[in-house]
């Protein structure tokens, strides 16, 4: 996001903060929003054995082991590039930060998970989606590394696009498998982008 001027980043950050604050309030007051039902019904029109297998692959792809592997890879890459060593500790700590924030918010909001046609077993609260923020925050730092270090413009945007597709599939899998509402995903997307914007704003790299 170095191509976006800092004042635009700050404005975008303010918009994200406003929206995820409003969304959290709506979820607390109304556990199941109409947009959740509409989005789920729309996604369920695609329901089939093939799509179920596809989304199961992505939801299980983002396991604890994969999170640790990607976080370590990004940490090592930033450490090797001395110019961006300031990202090293942050990259290493990101999975733990996300986990602690997620647990805290889940226990504050205490939103029950959807209980119809759930295709995988989950036992904790629904809001917000840990899979979504963890994937966006960890993969997001990998995107930041690619944008900062790969000189070939086409290559770095191809890699970034592939990573974004993976994040999107992980997020959609949580709704399709009916373990999260759409707003669980949306809230974490807003918070994750806010987190990445903060990293970019306070870094020395413009």
C-alpha atoms as a PDB file:
ATOM      1  CA  UNK A   1       0.000   0.000   0.000  1.00  0.00           C
ATOM      2  CA  UNK A   2       3.029   2.261  -0.354  1.00  0.00           C
ATOM      3  CA  UNK A   3       1.501   3.778  -3.501  1.00  0.00           C
ATOM      4  CA  UNK A   4      -1.316   5.305  -1.423  1.00  0.00           C
ATOM      5  CA  UNK A   5      -0.467   8.612   0.260  1.00  0.00           C
ATOM      6  CA  UNK A   6      -0.560   8.621   4.051  1.00  0.00           C
ATOM      7  CA  UNK A   7      -3.510  10.987   4.373  1.00  0.00           C
ATOM      8  CA  UNK A   8      -5.620   8.662   2.203  1.00  0.00           C
ATOM      9  CA  UNK A   9      -4.527   5.734   4.343  1.00  0.00           C
ATOM     10  CA  UNK A  10      -5.598   7.623   7.468  1.00  0.00           C
ATOM     11  CA  UNK A  11      -8.978   8.465   5.938  1.00  0.00           C
ATOM     12  CA  UNK A  12      -9.478   4.841   4.892  1.00  0.00           C
ATOM     13  CA  UNK A  13      -8.484   3.693   8.382  1.00  0.00           C
ATOM     14  CA  UNK A  14     -11.064   6.052   9.935  1.00  0.00           C
ATOM     15  CA  UNK A  15     -13.777   4.660   7.628  1.00  0.00           C
ATOM     16  CA  UNK A  16     -12.856   1.056   8.512  1.00  0.00           C
ATOM     17  CA  UNK A  17     -12.856   1.849  12.243  1.00  0.00           C
ATOM     18  CA  UNK A  18     -16.267   3.519  11.971  1.00  0.00           C
ATOM     19  CA  UNK A  19     -17.801   0.609  10.066  1.00  0.00           C
ATOM     20  CA  UNK A  20     -16.487  -2.182  12.264  1.00  0.00           C
ATOM     21  CA  UNK A  21     -17.581  -0.297  15.412  1.00  0.00           C
ATOM     22  CA  UNK A  22     -21.090   0.079  13.964  1.00  0.00           C
ATOM     23  CA  UNK A  23     -21.146  -3.550  12.860  1.00  0.00           C
ATOM     24  CA  UNK A  24     -20.118  -4.789  16.318  1.00  0.00           C
ATOM     25  CA  UNK A  25     -22.949  -2.764  17.867  1.00  0.00           C
ATOM     26  CA  UNK A  26     -25.490  -4.209  15.391  1.00  0.00           C
ATOM     27  CA  UNK A  27     -24.374  -7.787  16.066  1.00  0.00           C
ATOM     28  CA  UNK A  28     -24.623  -7.315  19.836  1.00  0.00           C
ATOM     29  CA  UNK A  29     -28.162  -5.900  19.566  1.00  0.00           C
ATOM     30  CA  UNK A  30     -29.362  -8.229  16.762  1.00  0.00           C
ATOM     31  CA  UNK A  31     -27.589 -11.625  16.756  1.00  0.00           C
ATOM     32  CA  UNK A  32     -28.782 -12.599  13.239  1.00  0.00           C
ATOM     33  CA  UNK A  33     -28.915  -9.734  10.759  1.00  0.00           C
ATOM     34  CA  UNK A  34     -30.923  -9.846   7.550  1.00  0.00           C
ATOM     35  CA  UNK A  35     -27.764  -9.510   5.476  1.00  0.00           C
ATOM     36  CA  UNK A  36     -26.464 -12.729   7.081  1.00  0.00           C
ATOM     37  CA  UNK A  37     -29.528 -14.670   5.958  1.00  0.00           C
ATOM     38  CA  UNK A  38     -29.480 -13.180   2.458  1.00  0.00           C
ATOM     39  CA  UNK A  39     -25.777 -13.895   1.953  1.00  0.00           C
ATOM     40  CA  UNK A  40     -26.070 -17.455   3.233  1.00  0.00           C
ATOM     41  CA  UNK A  41     -29.105 -18.236   1.061  1.00  0.00           C
ATOM     42  CA  UNK A  42     -27.298 -16.839  -1.979  1.00  0.00           C
ATOM     43  CA  UNK A  43     -24.200 -18.929  -1.307  1.00  0.00           C
ATOM     44  CA  UNK A  44     -26.288 -22.050  -0.669  1.00  0.00           C
ATOM     45  CA  UNK A  45     -27.667 -21.901  -4.220  1.00  0.00           C
ATOM     46  CA  UNK A  46     -24.215 -23.164  -5.238  1.00  0.00           C
ATOM     47  CA  UNK A  47     -24.454 -26.085  -2.826  1.00  0.00           C
ATOM     48  CA  UNK A  48     -23.071 -29.314  -4.268  1.00  0.00           C
ATOM     49  CA  UNK A  49     -20.627 -32.090  -3.421  1.00  0.00           C
ATOM     50  CA  UNK A  50     -17.904 -30.361  -5.490  1.00  0.00           C
ATOM     51  CA  UNK A  51     -18.342 -26.983  -3.795  1.00  0.00           C
ATOM     52  CA  UNK A  52     -18.480 -28.613  -0.373  1.00  0.00           C
ATOM     53  CA  UNK A  53     -15.193 -30.421  -1.073  1.00  0.00           C
ATOM     54  CA  UNK A  54     -13.692 -27.183  -2.391  1.00  0.00           C
ATOM     55  CA  UNK A  55     -14.584 -25.157   0.696  1.00  0.00           C
ATOM     56  CA  UNK A  56     -13.643 -27.954   3.093  1.00  0.00           C
ATOM     57  CA  UNK A  57     -10.191 -27.950   1.497  1.00  0.00           C
ATOM     58  CA  UNK A  58      -9.730 -24.232   2.165  1.00  0.00           C
ATOM     59  CA  UNK A  59     -11.138 -24.268   5.686  1.00  0.00           C
ATOM     60  CA  UNK A  60      -8.812 -27.127   6.676  1.00  0.00           C
ATOM     61  CA  UNK A  61      -5.928 -25.639   4.669  1.00  0.00           C
ATOM     62  CA  UNK A  62      -5.804 -22.781   7.150  1.00  0.00           C
ATOM     63  CA  UNK A  63      -4.868 -24.946  10.110  1.00  0.00           C
ATOM     64  CA  UNK A  64      -2.666 -23.967  13.053  1.00  0.00           C
ATOM     65  CA  UNK A  65       0.308 -25.586  11.307  1.00  0.00           C
ATOM     66  CA  UNK A  66      -0.241 -23.561   8.126  1.00  0.00           C
ATOM     67  CA  UNK A  67      -0.548 -20.334  10.131  1.00  0.00           C
ATOM     68  CA  UNK A  68       2.740 -21.033  11.914  1.00  0.00           C
ATOM     69  CA  UNK A  69       4.451 -21.981   8.627  1.00  0.00           C
ATOM     70  CA  UNK A  70       3.376 -18.818   6.761  1.00  0.00           C
ATOM     71  CA  UNK A  71       4.139 -16.578   9.755  1.00  0.00           C
ATOM     72  CA  UNK A  72       7.633 -18.087  10.093  1.00  0.00           C
ATOM     73  CA  UNK A  73       8.250 -17.757   6.348  1.00  0.00           C
ATOM     74  CA  UNK A  74       7.276 -14.082   6.390  1.00  0.00           C
ATOM     75  CA  UNK A  75       9.344 -13.458   9.528  1.00  0.00           C
ATOM     76  CA  UNK A  76      12.420 -15.033   7.924  1.00  0.00           C
ATOM     77  CA  UNK A  77      11.927 -13.049   4.706  1.00  0.00           C
ATOM     78  CA  UNK A  78      11.691  -9.752   6.594  1.00  0.00           C
ATOM     79  CA  UNK A  79      14.704 -10.679   8.739  1.00  0.00           C
ATOM     80  CA  UNK A  80      16.829 -11.431   5.677  1.00  0.00           C
ATOM     81  CA  UNK A  81      15.901  -8.093   4.103  1.00  0.00           C
ATOM     82  CA  UNK A  82      17.713  -5.780   6.518  1.00  0.00           C
ATOM     83  CA  UNK A  83      15.874  -2.749   5.167  1.00  0.00           C
ATOM     84  CA  UNK A  84      12.610  -4.122   6.565  1.00  0.00           C
ATOM     85  CA  UNK A  85      13.811  -5.760   9.787  1.00  0.00           C
ATOM     86  CA  UNK A  86      11.348  -3.621  11.736  1.00  0.00           C
ATOM     87  CA  UNK A  87       8.591  -5.937  10.441  1.00  0.00           C
ATOM     88  CA  UNK A  88      10.290  -9.083  11.774  1.00  0.00           C
ATOM     89  CA  UNK A  89       8.993  -9.091  15.361  1.00  0.00           C
ATOM     90  CA  UNK A  90       5.566  -7.907  14.242  1.00  0.00           C
ATOM     91  CA  UNK A  91       5.319 -10.696  11.683  1.00  0.00           C
ATOM     92  CA  UNK A  92       6.340 -13.262  14.278  1.00  0.00           C
ATOM     93  CA  UNK A  93       3.851 -12.012  16.884  1.00  0.00           C
ATOM     94  CA  UNK A  94       0.874 -11.451  14.556  1.00  0.00           C
ATOM     95  CA  UNK A  95      -0.732 -14.939  14.969  1.00  0.00           C
ATOM     96  CA  UNK A  96      -0.617 -14.626  18.779  1.00  0.00           C
ATOM     97  CA  UNK A  97      -1.979 -11.048  18.690  1.00  0.00           C
ATOM     98  CA  UNK A  98      -4.866 -12.110  16.445  1.00  0.00           C
ATOM     99  CA  UNK A  99      -5.666 -15.126  18.636  1.00  0.00           C
ATOM    100  CA  UNK A 100      -5.787 -13.065  21.850  1.00  0.00           C
ATOM    101  CA  UNK A 101      -7.921 -10.329  20.283  1.00  0.00           C
ATOM    102  CA  UNK A 102     -10.261 -12.935  18.812  1.00  0.00           C
ATOM    103  CA  UNK A 103     -10.753 -14.756  22.118  1.00  0.00           C
ATOM    104  CA  UNK A 104     -11.371 -11.484  23.932  1.00  0.00           C
ATOM    105  CA  UNK A 105     -14.022 -10.272  21.488  1.00  0.00           C
ATOM    106  CA  UNK A 106     -15.727 -13.669  21.242  1.00  0.00           C
ATOM    107  CA  UNK A 107     -16.212 -13.735  25.004  1.00  0.00           C
ATOM    108  CA  UNK A 108     -17.472 -10.154  25.103  1.00  0.00           C
ATOM    109  CA  UNK A 109     -20.025 -10.501  22.279  1.00  0.00           C
ATOM    110  CA  UNK A 110     -20.897 -14.215  22.859  1.00  0.00           C
ATOM    111  CA  UNK A 111     -22.719 -14.633  19.554  1.00  0.00           C
ATOM    112  CA  UNK A 112     -23.924 -18.243  19.082  1.00  0.00           C
ATOM    113  CA  UNK A 113     -22.837 -20.006  15.908  1.00  0.00           C
ATOM    114  CA  UNK A 114     -25.354 -20.848  13.157  1.00  0.00           C
ATOM    115  CA  UNK A 115     -27.061 -24.144  14.041  1.00  0.00           C
ATOM    116  CA  UNK A 116     -28.502 -25.242  10.695  1.00  0.00           C
ATOM    117  CA  UNK A 117     -26.668 -27.642   8.360  1.00  0.00           C
ATOM    118  CA  UNK A 118     -23.298 -27.036  10.001  1.00  0.00           C
ATOM    119  CA  UNK A 119     -20.791 -29.078   7.990  1.00  0.00           C
ATOM    120  CA  UNK A 120     -17.848 -28.918  10.396  1.00  0.00           C
ATOM    121  CA  UNK A 121     -17.793 -28.995  14.179  1.00  0.00           C
ATOM    122  CA  UNK A 122     -16.933 -25.808  16.077  1.00  0.00           C
ATOM    123  CA  UNK A 123     -17.559 -25.269  19.789  1.00  0.00           C
ATOM    124  CA  UNK A 124     -16.716 -21.649  20.585  1.00  0.00           C
ATOM    125  CA  UNK A 125     -18.634 -18.450  19.803  1.00  0.00           C
ATOM    126  CA  UNK A 126     -19.247 -17.241  16.262  1.00  0.00           C
ATOM    127  CA  UNK A 127     -18.350 -13.541  16.262  1.00  0.00           C
ATOM    128  CA  UNK A 128     -15.839 -12.805  14.891  1.00  0.00           C
ATOM    129  CA  UNK A 129     -14.181 -15.262  12.518  1.00  0.00           C
ATOM    130  CA  UNK A 130     -10.711 -16.281  13.684  1.00  0.00           C
ATOM    131  CA  UNK A 131      -9.952 -18.041  10.374  1.00  0.00           C
ATOM    132  CA  UNK A 132     -10.659 -14.868   8.416  1.00  0.00           C
ATOM    133  CA  UNK A 133      -8.580 -12.441  10.423  1.00  0.00           C
ATOM    134  CA  UNK A 134      -5.716 -14.869  10.926  1.00  0.00           C
ATOM    135  CA  UNK A 135      -5.505 -15.550   7.197  1.00  0.00           C
ATOM    136  CA  UNK A 136      -5.809 -11.894   6.238  1.00  0.00           C
ATOM    137  CA  UNK A 137      -3.343 -10.644   8.858  1.00  0.00           C
ATOM    138  CA  UNK A 138      -0.695 -13.331   8.224  1.00  0.00           C
ATOM    139  CA  UNK A 139      -1.075 -13.514   4.448  1.00  0.00           C
ATOM    140  CA  UNK A 140      -1.471  -9.723   4.409  1.00  0.00           C
ATOM    141  CA  UNK A 141       2.056  -9.317   5.770  1.00  0.00           C
ATOM    142  CA  UNK A 142       3.268 -11.653   3.030  1.00  0.00           C
ATOM    143  CA  UNK A 143       1.559  -9.370   0.499  1.00  0.00           C
ATOM    144  CA  UNK A 144       3.301  -6.371   2.097  1.00  0.00           C
ATOM    145  CA  UNK A 145       6.653  -8.144   1.713  1.00  0.00           C
ATOM    146  CA  UNK A 146       5.993  -8.913  -1.965  1.00  0.00           C
ATOM    147  CA  UNK A 147       4.930  -5.350  -2.757  1.00  0.00           C
ATOM    148  CA  UNK A 148       7.994  -3.920  -1.030  1.00  0.00           C
ATOM    149  CA  UNK A 149      10.596  -6.314  -2.397  1.00  0.00           C
ATOM    150  CA  UNK A 150       9.648  -7.743  -5.782  1.00  0.00           C
ATOM    151  CA  UNK A 151      10.757  -5.315  -8.468  1.00  0.00           C
ATOM    152  CA  UNK A 152       8.886  -6.932 -11.346  1.00  0.00           C
ATOM    153  CA  UNK A 153       5.553  -5.080 -11.248  1.00  0.00           C
ATOM    154  CA  UNK A 154       3.536  -7.802 -12.988  1.00  0.00           C
ATOM    155  CA  UNK A 155       4.980 -10.609 -10.865  1.00  0.00           C
ATOM    156  CA  UNK A 156       4.349  -8.942  -7.518  1.00  0.00           C
ATOM    157  CA  UNK A 157       0.740  -8.121  -8.391  1.00  0.00           C
ATOM    158  CA  UNK A 158       0.144 -11.650  -9.673  1.00  0.00           C
ATOM    159  CA  UNK A 159       1.454 -13.079  -6.399  1.00  0.00           C
ATOM    160  CA  UNK A 160      -0.601 -10.593  -4.366  1.00  0.00           C
ATOM    161  CA  UNK A 161      -3.715 -11.465  -6.387  1.00  0.00           C
ATOM    162  CA  UNK A 162      -3.248 -15.209  -5.785  1.00  0.00           C
ATOM    163  CA  UNK A 163      -2.883 -14.592  -2.043  1.00  0.00           C
ATOM    164  CA  UNK A 164      -6.045 -12.443  -2.034  1.00  0.00           C
ATOM    165  CA  UNK A 165      -7.944 -15.265  -3.785  1.00  0.00           C
ATOM    166  CA  UNK A 166      -6.765 -17.739  -1.131  1.00  0.00           C
ATOM    167  CA  UNK A 167      -7.893 -15.377   1.668  1.00  0.00           C
ATOM    168  CA  UNK A 168     -11.281 -14.927  -0.041  1.00  0.00           C
ATOM    169  CA  UNK A 169     -11.790 -18.691  -0.389  1.00  0.00           C
ATOM    170  CA  UNK A 170     -10.937 -19.239   3.281  1.00  0.00           C
ATOM    171  CA  UNK A 171     -13.434 -16.541   4.308  1.00  0.00           C
ATOM    172  CA  UNK A 172     -16.217 -17.876   2.055  1.00  0.00           C
ATOM    173  CA  UNK A 173     -15.613 -21.425   3.272  1.00  0.00           C
ATOM    174  CA  UNK A 174     -16.578 -20.398   6.805  1.00  0.00           C
ATOM    175  CA  UNK A 175     -19.977 -19.149   5.608  1.00  0.00           C
ATOM    176  CA  UNK A 176     -20.615 -22.008   3.171  1.00  0.00           C
ATOM    177  CA  UNK A 177     -19.880 -24.566   5.881  1.00  0.00           C
ATOM    178  CA  UNK A 178     -22.315 -22.635   8.092  1.00  0.00           C
ATOM    179  CA  UNK A 179     -19.956 -22.113  11.014  1.00  0.00           C
ATOM    180  CA  UNK A 180     -20.004 -18.312  10.651  1.00  0.00           C
ATOM    181  CA  UNK A 181     -22.347 -15.564   9.603  1.00  0.00           C
ATOM    182  CA  UNK A 182     -21.401 -13.145   6.838  1.00  0.00           C
ATOM    183  CA  UNK A 183     -21.012 -10.328   9.377  1.00  0.00           C
ATOM    184  CA  UNK A 184     -18.489 -12.421  11.371  1.00  0.00           C
ATOM    185  CA  UNK A 185     -16.329 -12.408   8.244  1.00  0.00           C
ATOM    186  CA  UNK A 186     -16.971  -8.791   7.300  1.00  0.00           C
ATOM    187  CA  UNK A 187     -16.054  -7.491  10.763  1.00  0.00           C
ATOM    188  CA  UNK A 188     -12.694  -9.242  10.748  1.00  0.00           C
ATOM    189  CA  UNK A 189     -11.978  -8.065   7.216  1.00  0.00           C
ATOM    190  CA  UNK A 190     -12.504  -4.468   8.306  1.00  0.00           C
ATOM    191  CA  UNK A 191     -10.395  -4.924  11.438  1.00  0.00           C
ATOM    192  CA  UNK A 192      -7.654  -6.776   9.569  1.00  0.00           C
ATOM    193  CA  UNK A 193      -7.333  -4.096   6.924  1.00  0.00           C
ATOM    194  CA  UNK A 194      -7.240  -1.514   9.728  1.00  0.00           C
ATOM    195  CA  UNK A 195      -4.410  -3.497  11.341  1.00  0.00           C
ATOM    196  CA  UNK A 196      -2.441  -3.651   8.086  1.00  0.00           C
ATOM    197  CA  UNK A 197      -3.063   0.057   7.433  1.00  0.00           C
ATOM    198  CA  UNK A 198      -1.746   0.923  10.893  1.00  0.00           C
ATOM    199  CA  UNK A 199       1.396  -1.101  10.209  1.00  0.00           C
ATOM    200  CA  UNK A 200       1.893   0.723   6.919  1.00  0.00           C
ATOM    201  CA  UNK A 201       1.148   4.200   8.304  1.00  0.00           C
ATOM    202  CA  UNK A 202       3.557   3.902  11.215  1.00  0.00           C
ATOM    203  CA  UNK A 203       6.336   2.296   9.193  1.00  0.00           C
ATOM    204  CA  UNK A 204       9.075   4.514   7.820  1.00  0.00           C
ATOM    205  CA  UNK A 205       8.346   3.246   4.330  1.00  0.00           C
ATOM    206  CA  UNK A 206       6.004   5.533   2.402  1.00  0.00           C
END
